[in-house]
Amino acid sequence: MAKPLYKVTFLNHGKVYELYARHVGGSSLWGFTEVGELVFDVHEGLVVDPTEERLRDEFGNTKMLHLPMQSIIRVEEVERKGQSAIRDAATGEKVVTPFPLPAKPR
């Protein structure tokens, strides 16, 4: 039997993060929730999701997240992984780091 998959939505520095993980549970640290075994897409082609790359850069080497309970918005058990996202907390719009453009000559 496969391990369950969870979509964890939480606040972090004024943004709403949506990550997928295989483990969610109580932490030994009072007031925190453990989120572990984070799941990221593995892209073999040229198309790369900048949000997924940003999340992988930030959390790729993380063994276990200990999130304060008050920062967690929702934990959902899901059938399959969707797209991870970073959204602005006020507007709900996705926050995407744009591809850097060359500077305009002066």
C-alpha atoms as a PDB file:
ATOM      1  CA  MET A   1       0.000   0.000   0.000  1.00  0.00           C
ATOM      2  CA  ALA A   2       1.359   3.415  -0.988  1.00  0.00           C
ATOM      3  CA  LYS A   3       1.950   6.097   1.616  1.00  0.00           C
ATOM      4  CA  PRO A   4      -0.732   8.798   1.702  1.00  0.00           C
ATOM      5  CA  LEU A   5      -0.069  12.102  -0.048  1.00  0.00           C
ATOM      6  CA  TYR A   6      -0.949  15.402   1.635  1.00  0.00           C
ATOM      7  CA  LYS A   7      -1.335  18.908   0.253  1.00  0.00           C
ATOM      8  CA  VAL A   8      -0.191  21.309   2.987  1.00  0.00           C
ATOM      9  CA  THR A   9      -1.171  24.985   2.708  1.00  0.00           C
ATOM     10  CA  PHE A  10       0.530  27.409   5.101  1.00  0.00           C
ATOM     11  CA  LEU A  11       1.507  31.060   5.570  1.00  0.00           C
ATOM     12  CA  ASN A  12       5.163  32.045   5.260  1.00  0.00           C
ATOM     13  CA  HIS A  13       6.412  35.671   5.146  1.00  0.00           C
ATOM     14  CA  GLY A  14       3.129  37.102   3.820  1.00  0.00           C
ATOM     15  CA  LYS A  15       2.715  34.416   1.180  1.00  0.00           C
ATOM     16  CA  VAL A  16       0.617  31.243   1.042  1.00  0.00           C
ATOM     17  CA  TYR A  17       2.689  28.160   0.224  1.00  0.00           C
ATOM     18  CA  GLU A  18       1.178  24.939  -1.140  1.00  0.00           C
ATOM     19  CA  LEU A  19       3.470  21.917  -0.804  1.00  0.00           C
ATOM     20  CA  TYR A  20       2.964  18.171  -1.124  1.00  0.00           C
ATOM     21  CA  ALA A  21       4.313  15.745   1.462  1.00  0.00           C
ATOM     22  CA  ARG A  22       4.098  12.082   2.440  1.00  0.00           C
ATOM     23  CA  HIS A  23       4.243  12.716   6.199  1.00  0.00           C
ATOM     24  CA  VAL A  24       2.212  15.112   8.363  1.00  0.00           C
ATOM     25  CA  GLY A  25       1.980  14.646  12.107  1.00  0.00           C
ATOM     26  CA  GLY A  26       2.374  16.065  15.568  1.00  0.00           C
ATOM     27  CA  SER A  27       5.778  17.424  16.447  1.00  0.00           C
ATOM     28  CA  SER A  28       7.785  16.846  19.588  1.00  0.00           C
ATOM     29  CA  LEU A  29       8.050  20.648  19.681  1.00  0.00           C
ATOM     30  CA  TRP A  30       4.966  22.016  21.417  1.00  0.00           C
ATOM     31  CA  GLY A  31       2.722  24.054  19.088  1.00  0.00           C
ATOM     32  CA  PHE A  32       4.293  22.780  15.859  1.00  0.00           C
ATOM     33  CA  THR A  33       3.278  20.303  13.151  1.00  0.00           C
ATOM     34  CA  GLU A  34       5.801  18.082  11.368  1.00  0.00           C
ATOM     35  CA  VAL A  35       5.738  17.994   7.576  1.00  0.00           C
ATOM     36  CA  GLY A  36       8.218  15.617   5.977  1.00  0.00           C
ATOM     37  CA  GLU A  37       9.079  13.654   2.862  1.00  0.00           C
ATOM     38  CA  LEU A  38       8.311  16.603   0.585  1.00  0.00           C
ATOM     39  CA  VAL A  39       7.323  15.685  -2.978  1.00  0.00           C
ATOM     40  CA  PHE A  40       8.550  17.727  -5.956  1.00  0.00           C
ATOM     41  CA  ASP A  41       8.066  17.196  -9.697  1.00  0.00           C
ATOM     42  CA  VAL A  42      11.028  15.810 -11.580  1.00  0.00           C
ATOM     43  CA  HIS A  43      11.304  17.510 -14.975  1.00  0.00           C
ATOM     44  CA  GLU A  44      13.279  15.750 -17.665  1.00  0.00           C
ATOM     45  CA  GLY A  45      12.502  18.167 -20.509  1.00  0.00           C
ATOM     46  CA  LEU A  46      13.018  21.815 -21.267  1.00  0.00           C
ATOM     47  CA  VAL A  47       9.779  23.041 -19.698  1.00  0.00           C
ATOM     48  CA  VAL A  48      10.450  23.997 -16.095  1.00  0.00           C
ATOM     49  CA  ASP A  49       7.916  25.430 -13.662  1.00  0.00           C
ATOM     50  CA  PRO A  50       9.650  28.409 -11.973  1.00  0.00           C
ATOM     51  CA  THR A  51       7.498  28.080  -8.835  1.00  0.00           C
ATOM     52  CA  GLU A  52       8.375  24.395  -8.452  1.00  0.00           C
ATOM     53  CA  GLU A  53      12.065  25.243  -8.951  1.00  0.00           C
ATOM     54  CA  ARG A  54      11.870  27.995  -6.326  1.00  0.00           C
ATOM     55  CA  LEU A  55      10.219  25.629  -3.829  1.00  0.00           C
ATOM     56  CA  ARG A  56      12.786  22.922  -4.574  1.00  0.00           C
ATOM     57  CA  ASP A  57      15.606  25.437  -4.034  1.00  0.00           C
ATOM     58  CA  GLU A  58      14.109  26.550  -0.718  1.00  0.00           C
ATOM     59  CA  PHE A  59      12.953  23.184   0.664  1.00  0.00           C
ATOM     60  CA  GLY A  60      14.792  20.562  -1.439  1.00  0.00           C
ATOM     61  CA  ASN A  61      17.282  19.609   1.276  1.00  0.00           C
ATOM     62  CA  THR A  62      14.745  19.836   4.097  1.00  0.00           C
ATOM     63  CA  LYS A  63      14.382  16.622   6.048  1.00  0.00           C
ATOM     64  CA  MET A  64      11.460  17.792   8.223  1.00  0.00           C
ATOM     65  CA  LEU A  65       9.543  21.083   8.402  1.00  0.00           C
ATOM     66  CA  HIS A  66       8.265  22.092  11.835  1.00  0.00           C
ATOM     67  CA  LEU A  67       5.485  24.560  11.052  1.00  0.00           C
ATOM     68  CA  PRO A  68       3.780  26.608  13.774  1.00  0.00           C
ATOM     69  CA  MET A  69       0.197  25.397  14.073  1.00  0.00           C
ATOM     70  CA  GLN A  70      -1.184  28.922  13.620  1.00  0.00           C
ATOM     71  CA  SER A  71       0.533  29.247  10.213  1.00  0.00           C
ATOM     72  CA  ILE A  72      -1.171  26.151   8.759  1.00  0.00           C
ATOM     73  CA  ILE A  73      -4.269  26.964   6.738  1.00  0.00           C
ATOM     74  CA  ARG A  74      -5.221  23.480   5.599  1.00  0.00           C
ATOM     75  CA  VAL A  75      -3.970  19.903   5.263  1.00  0.00           C
ATOM     76  CA  GLU A  76      -5.675  17.742   2.633  1.00  0.00           C
ATOM     77  CA  GLU A  77      -5.114  14.070   1.842  1.00  0.00           C
ATOM     78  CA  VAL A  78      -5.124  13.849  -1.961  1.00  0.00           C
ATOM     79  CA  GLU A  79      -5.041  11.088  -4.574  1.00  0.00           C
ATOM     80  CA  ARG A  80      -2.315  12.627  -6.744  1.00  0.00           C
ATOM     81  CA  LYS A  81       0.061  15.555  -6.739  1.00  0.00           C
ATOM     82  CA  GLY A  82      -1.090  18.810  -8.267  1.00  0.00           C
ATOM     83  CA  GLN A  83       0.923  21.910  -8.970  1.00  0.00           C
ATOM     84  CA  SER A  84       2.764  23.406  -6.003  1.00  0.00           C
ATOM     85  CA  ALA A  85       2.259  27.133  -5.643  1.00  0.00           C
ATOM     86  CA  ILE A  86       3.255  30.302  -3.851  1.00  0.00           C
ATOM     87  CA  ARG A  87       0.451  32.856  -3.645  1.00  0.00           C
ATOM     88  CA  ASP A  88       0.177  36.375  -2.299  1.00  0.00           C
ATOM     89  CA  ALA A  89      -1.724  36.150   0.997  1.00  0.00           C
ATOM     90  CA  ALA A  90      -3.766  39.316   0.348  1.00  0.00           C
ATOM     91  CA  THR A  91      -4.801  38.790  -3.285  1.00  0.00           C
ATOM     92  CA  GLY A  92      -4.438  35.025  -3.757  1.00  0.00           C
ATOM     93  CA  GLU A  93      -2.565  35.561  -7.012  1.00  0.00           C
ATOM     94  CA  LYS A  94       0.352  33.293  -7.815  1.00  0.00           C
ATOM     95  CA  VAL A  95       3.749  34.780  -7.109  1.00  0.00           C
ATOM     96  CA  VAL A  96       6.048  33.822  -9.949  1.00  0.00           C
ATOM     97  CA  THR A  97       9.645  34.860 -10.228  1.00  0.00           C
ATOM     98  CA  PRO A  98       9.888  36.139 -13.803  1.00  0.00           C
ATOM     99  CA  PHE A  99      12.687  35.092 -16.102  1.00  0.00           C
ATOM    100  CA  PRO A 100      15.415  37.745 -15.879  1.00  0.00           C
ATOM    101  CA  LEU A 101      15.441  40.068 -18.863  1.00  0.00           C
ATOM    102  CA  PRO A 102      18.520  41.876 -20.093  1.00  0.00           C
ATOM    103  CA  ALA A 103      18.954  45.388 -18.778  1.00  0.00           C
ATOM    104  CA  LYS A 104      17.950  48.217 -21.104  1.00  0.00           C
ATOM    105  CA  PRO A 105      20.908  50.196 -22.427  1.00  0.00           C
ATOM    106  CA  ARG A 106      20.997  53.830 -21.373  1.00  0.00           C
END
